[in-house]
Amino acid sequence: MRAALTNEILGFDQYGGHPQQQGQYHYHAEPTFLTKAKGKDALLGFLLDGFPVYGPVENGKTVTNADLDKYHGHTHATSDYPNGIYHYHITAEDPYINGSGFYGKAGTITQ
């Protein structure tokens, strides 16, 4: 079982993120700069499987782990995908962004 944030939180910057050892900046918890700028219900990005990640609010309600599956997402219509799509949510509870792996097949990124 994975540990919640542990000592890694000590390396977070003022926006709640940090670079990994290879230098890629990422988040483990709510990206507060983005949710303050775009809104807590906004599309914030995509995980490596290509599915969107939204903030901790959906339809005016704060999302909890009980609302999500083991990957930390669910399928619903969103403002960006009115016909519905599987999507992840950031929550205030561990695992914060995504759970046991990915809903889809994880790809790779290039810069």
N, C-alpha and C. Protein backbone atom coordinates (compact mmCIF):
# COMPACT_ATOMS: atom_id res chain seq x y z
N MET A 1 0.84 -1.18 0.00
CA MET A 1 0.00 0.00 0.00
C MET A 1 0.88 1.24 0.00
N ARG A 2 0.49 2.25 -0.73
CA ARG A 2 1.29 3.45 -0.80
C ARG A 2 1.04 4.37 0.38
N ALA A 3 2.04 5.13 0.71
CA ALA A 3 1.93 6.06 1.83
C ALA A 3 1.44 7.40 1.32
N ALA A 4 0.61 8.04 2.10
CA ALA A 4 0.15 9.39 1.75
C ALA A 4 1.32 10.35 1.82
N LEU A 5 1.48 11.16 0.84
CA LEU A 5 2.50 12.21 0.69
C LEU A 5 3.83 12.05 1.43
N THR A 6 3.87 11.51 2.62
CA THR A 6 5.08 11.30 3.42
C THR A 6 5.97 12.54 3.41
N ASN A 7 7.28 12.33 3.34
CA ASN A 7 8.22 13.46 3.41
C ASN A 7 8.31 14.23 2.10
N GLU A 8 7.74 13.70 1.03
CA GLU A 8 7.80 14.39 -0.26
C GLU A 8 7.15 15.77 -0.20
N ILE A 9 6.20 15.92 0.69
CA ILE A 9 5.49 17.20 0.84
C ILE A 9 6.46 18.32 1.23
N LEU A 10 7.56 17.98 1.86
CA LEU A 10 8.54 19.00 2.26
C LEU A 10 9.17 19.69 1.07
N GLY A 11 9.12 19.07 -0.12
CA GLY A 11 9.69 19.65 -1.32
C GLY A 11 8.71 20.41 -2.18
N PHE A 12 7.45 20.52 -1.75
CA PHE A 12 6.45 21.24 -2.53
C PHE A 12 6.72 22.74 -2.50
N ASP A 13 6.44 23.39 -3.62
CA ASP A 13 6.57 24.85 -3.66
C ASP A 13 5.27 25.51 -3.22
N GLN A 14 5.20 26.82 -3.36
CA GLN A 14 4.02 27.57 -2.90
C GLN A 14 2.75 27.21 -3.68
N TYR A 15 2.88 26.50 -4.80
CA TYR A 15 1.71 26.11 -5.59
C TYR A 15 1.33 24.66 -5.39
N GLY A 16 2.02 23.95 -4.50
CA GLY A 16 1.68 22.58 -4.19
C GLY A 16 2.28 21.54 -5.12
N GLY A 17 3.28 21.92 -5.90
CA GLY A 17 3.93 20.98 -6.82
C GLY A 17 5.43 20.98 -6.62
N HIS A 18 6.10 20.13 -7.41
CA HIS A 18 7.56 20.06 -7.36
C HIS A 18 8.09 19.27 -8.55
N PRO A 19 9.37 19.41 -8.87
CA PRO A 19 9.95 18.63 -9.96
C PRO A 19 10.34 17.24 -9.48
N GLN A 20 10.18 16.25 -10.35
CA GLN A 20 10.67 14.92 -10.03
C GLN A 20 12.17 14.89 -10.27
N GLN A 21 12.81 13.77 -9.99
CA GLN A 21 14.27 13.69 -10.13
C GLN A 21 14.74 13.97 -11.55
N GLN A 22 13.91 13.63 -12.55
CA GLN A 22 14.27 13.91 -13.94
C GLN A 22 13.94 15.34 -14.35
N GLY A 23 13.36 16.12 -13.42
CA GLY A 23 13.11 17.52 -13.67
C GLY A 23 11.71 17.90 -14.10
N GLN A 24 10.82 16.93 -14.33
CA GLN A 24 9.45 17.27 -14.76
C GLN A 24 8.62 17.69 -13.55
N TYR A 25 8.04 18.87 -13.65
CA TYR A 25 7.21 19.43 -12.58
C TYR A 25 5.88 18.70 -12.55
N HIS A 26 5.39 18.39 -11.35
CA HIS A 26 4.12 17.69 -11.21
C HIS A 26 3.50 17.95 -9.85
N TYR A 27 2.27 17.49 -9.71
CA TYR A 27 1.50 17.64 -8.47
C TYR A 27 1.14 16.28 -7.90
N HIS A 28 0.99 16.25 -6.58
CA HIS A 28 0.44 15.08 -5.89
C HIS A 28 -0.91 15.43 -5.28
N ALA A 29 -1.17 16.70 -5.11
CA ALA A 29 -2.38 17.19 -4.46
C ALA A 29 -2.93 18.36 -5.30
N GLU A 30 -3.95 19.01 -4.80
CA GLU A 30 -4.59 20.10 -5.54
C GLU A 30 -3.58 21.17 -5.97
N PRO A 31 -3.56 21.50 -7.26
CA PRO A 31 -2.68 22.58 -7.74
C PRO A 31 -3.36 23.92 -7.45
N THR A 32 -3.11 24.46 -6.29
CA THR A 32 -3.86 25.63 -5.81
C THR A 32 -3.75 26.84 -6.73
N PHE A 33 -2.63 27.03 -7.38
CA PHE A 33 -2.52 28.16 -8.31
C PHE A 33 -3.55 28.00 -9.43
N LEU A 34 -3.66 26.80 -9.97
CA LEU A 34 -4.60 26.56 -11.08
C LEU A 34 -6.05 26.65 -10.62
N THR A 35 -6.37 26.06 -9.47
CA THR A 35 -7.77 26.09 -9.03
C THR A 35 -8.20 27.49 -8.61
N LYS A 36 -7.27 28.29 -8.12
CA LYS A 36 -7.62 29.69 -7.81
C LYS A 36 -7.81 30.49 -9.09
N ALA A 37 -6.98 30.24 -10.09
CA ALA A 37 -7.05 31.00 -11.34
C ALA A 37 -8.19 30.55 -12.25
N LYS A 38 -8.45 29.25 -12.32
CA LYS A 38 -9.42 28.70 -13.27
C LYS A 38 -10.73 28.29 -12.63
N GLY A 39 -10.73 28.05 -11.33
CA GLY A 39 -11.91 27.58 -10.62
C GLY A 39 -11.74 26.14 -10.18
N LYS A 40 -12.38 25.80 -9.09
CA LYS A 40 -12.26 24.46 -8.53
C LYS A 40 -12.99 23.39 -9.35
N ASP A 41 -13.77 23.81 -10.35
CA ASP A 41 -14.46 22.84 -11.21
C ASP A 41 -13.85 22.78 -12.61
N ALA A 42 -12.72 23.42 -12.80
CA ALA A 42 -12.11 23.54 -14.13
C ALA A 42 -11.34 22.29 -14.56
N LEU A 43 -11.22 22.14 -15.88
CA LEU A 43 -10.33 21.15 -16.47
C LEU A 43 -8.91 21.63 -16.21
N LEU A 44 -8.12 20.81 -15.53
CA LEU A 44 -6.78 21.23 -15.11
C LEU A 44 -5.66 20.58 -15.92
N GLY A 45 -5.97 19.50 -16.60
CA GLY A 45 -4.93 18.82 -17.37
C GLY A 45 -5.37 17.41 -17.72
N PHE A 46 -4.40 16.59 -18.11
CA PHE A 46 -4.65 15.22 -18.53
C PHE A 46 -3.61 14.31 -17.93
N LEU A 47 -4.01 13.12 -17.51
CA LEU A 47 -3.04 12.14 -17.04
C LEU A 47 -2.44 11.42 -18.24
N LEU A 48 -1.45 10.58 -18.00
CA LEU A 48 -0.73 9.92 -19.09
C LEU A 48 -1.60 9.00 -19.94
N ASP A 49 -2.78 8.64 -19.46
CA ASP A 49 -3.67 7.80 -20.29
C ASP A 49 -4.56 8.65 -21.18
N GLY A 50 -4.41 9.97 -21.13
CA GLY A 50 -5.16 10.87 -22.00
C GLY A 50 -6.50 11.33 -21.45
N PHE A 51 -6.89 10.86 -20.28
CA PHE A 51 -8.17 11.28 -19.71
C PHE A 51 -8.00 12.56 -18.89
N PRO A 52 -9.03 13.42 -18.92
CA PRO A 52 -8.92 14.71 -18.24
C PRO A 52 -8.95 14.62 -16.72
N VAL A 53 -8.36 15.64 -16.11
CA VAL A 53 -8.37 15.80 -14.65
C VAL A 53 -9.08 17.11 -14.34
N TYR A 54 -10.06 17.03 -13.47
CA TYR A 54 -10.81 18.21 -13.05
C TYR A 54 -10.53 18.52 -11.59
N GLY A 55 -10.85 19.73 -11.21
CA GLY A 55 -10.69 20.17 -9.82
C GLY A 55 -11.62 19.42 -8.89
N PRO A 56 -11.63 19.81 -7.63
CA PRO A 56 -12.37 19.07 -6.61
C PRO A 56 -13.87 19.35 -6.53
N VAL A 57 -14.40 20.12 -7.45
CA VAL A 57 -15.84 20.44 -7.43
C VAL A 57 -16.48 20.02 -8.75
N GLU A 58 -17.66 19.39 -8.65
CA GLU A 58 -18.43 19.01 -9.84
C GLU A 58 -19.89 19.33 -9.58
N ASN A 59 -20.50 20.07 -10.47
CA ASN A 59 -21.91 20.46 -10.33
C ASN A 59 -22.19 21.12 -8.98
N GLY A 60 -21.27 21.95 -8.52
CA GLY A 60 -21.45 22.70 -7.28
C GLY A 60 -21.20 21.90 -6.02
N LYS A 61 -20.80 20.63 -6.13
CA LYS A 61 -20.57 19.76 -4.97
C LYS A 61 -19.09 19.38 -4.90
N THR A 62 -18.53 19.40 -3.70
CA THR A 62 -17.16 18.94 -3.51
C THR A 62 -17.13 17.43 -3.66
N VAL A 63 -16.27 16.95 -4.53
CA VAL A 63 -16.13 15.52 -4.80
C VAL A 63 -15.30 14.88 -3.70
N THR A 64 -15.72 13.70 -3.26
CA THR A 64 -14.97 12.93 -2.27
C THR A 64 -14.57 11.59 -2.88
N ASN A 65 -13.70 10.87 -2.19
CA ASN A 65 -13.29 9.56 -2.67
C ASN A 65 -14.48 8.62 -2.85
N ALA A 66 -15.51 8.77 -2.03
CA ALA A 66 -16.69 7.91 -2.13
C ALA A 66 -17.42 8.09 -3.47
N ASP A 67 -17.22 9.22 -4.14
CA ASP A 67 -17.86 9.49 -5.43
C ASP A 67 -17.09 8.88 -6.60
N LEU A 68 -15.90 8.35 -6.34
CA LEU A 68 -14.98 7.95 -7.41
C LEU A 68 -14.64 6.47 -7.34
N ASP A 69 -14.15 5.94 -8.45
CA ASP A 69 -13.75 4.53 -8.50
C ASP A 69 -12.31 4.36 -8.01
N LYS A 70 -11.76 3.15 -8.18
CA LYS A 70 -10.42 2.86 -7.67
C LYS A 70 -9.31 3.63 -8.36
N TYR A 71 -9.61 4.17 -9.56
CA TYR A 71 -8.62 4.99 -10.27
C TYR A 71 -8.74 6.47 -9.92
N HIS A 72 -9.77 6.79 -9.13
CA HIS A 72 -10.04 8.15 -8.67
C HIS A 72 -10.75 8.99 -9.73
N GLY A 73 -11.66 8.33 -10.46
CA GLY A 73 -12.43 9.02 -11.47
C GLY A 73 -13.81 8.42 -11.62
N HIS A 74 -14.53 8.92 -12.59
CA HIS A 74 -15.86 8.41 -12.94
C HIS A 74 -16.26 8.96 -14.30
N THR A 75 -17.38 8.48 -14.83
CA THR A 75 -17.87 8.94 -16.13
C THR A 75 -19.11 9.79 -15.92
N HIS A 76 -19.05 11.01 -16.40
CA HIS A 76 -20.17 11.96 -16.34
C HIS A 76 -19.97 12.96 -17.47
N ALA A 77 -21.02 13.67 -17.80
CA ALA A 77 -20.90 14.81 -18.71
C ALA A 77 -20.16 15.93 -17.97
N THR A 78 -19.34 16.66 -18.71
CA THR A 78 -18.67 17.84 -18.17
C THR A 78 -18.92 18.99 -19.12
N SER A 79 -18.56 20.18 -18.74
CA SER A 79 -18.76 21.32 -19.64
C SER A 79 -17.91 21.17 -20.89
N ASP A 80 -16.77 20.51 -20.78
CA ASP A 80 -15.89 20.30 -21.93
C ASP A 80 -16.29 19.09 -22.78
N TYR A 81 -16.96 18.14 -22.15
CA TYR A 81 -17.38 16.90 -22.82
C TYR A 81 -18.85 16.64 -22.49
N PRO A 82 -19.77 17.37 -23.13
CA PRO A 82 -21.19 17.29 -22.78
C PRO A 82 -21.83 15.92 -23.02
N ASN A 83 -21.21 15.07 -23.83
CA ASN A 83 -21.73 13.72 -24.04
C ASN A 83 -21.21 12.73 -23.01
N GLY A 84 -20.37 13.20 -22.11
CA GLY A 84 -19.81 12.37 -21.06
C GLY A 84 -18.45 11.82 -21.42
N ILE A 85 -17.61 11.67 -20.44
CA ILE A 85 -16.27 11.10 -20.60
C ILE A 85 -15.78 10.65 -19.23
N TYR A 86 -14.96 9.63 -19.24
CA TYR A 86 -14.29 9.25 -18.00
C TYR A 86 -13.32 10.39 -17.67
N HIS A 87 -13.28 10.77 -16.41
CA HIS A 87 -12.36 11.81 -15.97
C HIS A 87 -12.00 11.62 -14.51
N TYR A 88 -10.84 12.13 -14.17
CA TYR A 88 -10.33 12.09 -12.80
C TYR A 88 -10.71 13.38 -12.09
N HIS A 89 -10.69 13.31 -10.75
CA HIS A 89 -10.88 14.50 -9.92
C HIS A 89 -9.79 14.57 -8.87
N ILE A 90 -9.42 15.78 -8.56
CA ILE A 90 -8.54 16.04 -7.43
C ILE A 90 -9.44 16.10 -6.20
N THR A 91 -9.02 15.46 -5.11
CA THR A 91 -9.79 15.54 -3.86
C THR A 91 -8.85 15.92 -2.72
N ALA A 92 -9.43 16.19 -1.58
CA ALA A 92 -8.65 16.55 -0.39
C ALA A 92 -8.20 15.31 0.38
N GLU A 93 -8.54 14.11 -0.13
CA GLU A 93 -8.20 12.86 0.54
C GLU A 93 -7.20 12.06 -0.29
N ASP A 94 -6.34 11.29 0.38
CA ASP A 94 -5.44 10.38 -0.31
C ASP A 94 -6.27 9.43 -1.16
N PRO A 95 -6.02 9.27 -2.44
CA PRO A 95 -4.79 9.52 -3.17
C PRO A 95 -4.72 10.88 -3.86
N TYR A 96 -5.59 11.81 -3.58
CA TYR A 96 -5.56 13.20 -4.04
C TYR A 96 -5.80 13.39 -5.54
N ILE A 97 -5.02 12.74 -6.41
CA ILE A 97 -5.20 12.93 -7.86
C ILE A 97 -5.60 11.65 -8.57
N ASN A 98 -4.80 10.61 -8.52
CA ASN A 98 -5.28 9.36 -9.12
C ASN A 98 -4.94 8.19 -8.22
N GLY A 99 -5.72 7.14 -8.37
CA GLY A 99 -5.64 6.02 -7.44
C GLY A 99 -4.77 4.88 -7.94
N SER A 100 -5.34 3.70 -8.00
CA SER A 100 -4.62 2.46 -8.33
C SER A 100 -4.38 2.36 -9.82
N GLY A 101 -3.41 3.07 -10.31
CA GLY A 101 -3.08 3.03 -11.73
C GLY A 101 -3.93 3.98 -12.55
N PHE A 102 -4.09 3.64 -13.81
CA PHE A 102 -4.83 4.48 -14.76
C PHE A 102 -6.07 3.76 -15.25
N TYR A 103 -7.09 4.51 -15.57
CA TYR A 103 -8.31 3.96 -16.15
C TYR A 103 -8.00 3.43 -17.56
N GLY A 104 -7.25 4.20 -18.33
CA GLY A 104 -6.87 3.82 -19.68
C GLY A 104 -5.43 3.34 -19.71
N LYS A 105 -4.94 3.11 -20.90
CA LYS A 105 -3.55 2.66 -21.08
C LYS A 105 -2.64 3.88 -21.04
N ALA A 106 -1.73 3.87 -20.10
CA ALA A 106 -0.81 5.00 -19.97
C ALA A 106 0.17 5.03 -21.14
N GLY A 107 0.37 6.20 -21.68
CA GLY A 107 1.33 6.39 -22.75
C GLY A 107 2.59 7.03 -22.20
N THR A 108 3.25 7.76 -23.06
CA THR A 108 4.45 8.47 -22.65
C THR A 108 4.32 9.92 -23.08
N ILE A 109 5.19 10.76 -22.55
CA ILE A 109 5.19 12.17 -22.94
C ILE A 109 6.54 12.51 -23.53
N THR A 110 6.54 13.50 -24.38
CA THR A 110 7.78 14.02 -24.92
C THR A 110 7.76 15.53 -24.77
N GLN A 111 8.93 16.11 -24.77
CA GLN A 111 8.99 17.56 -24.62
C GLN A 111 9.58 18.18 -25.86
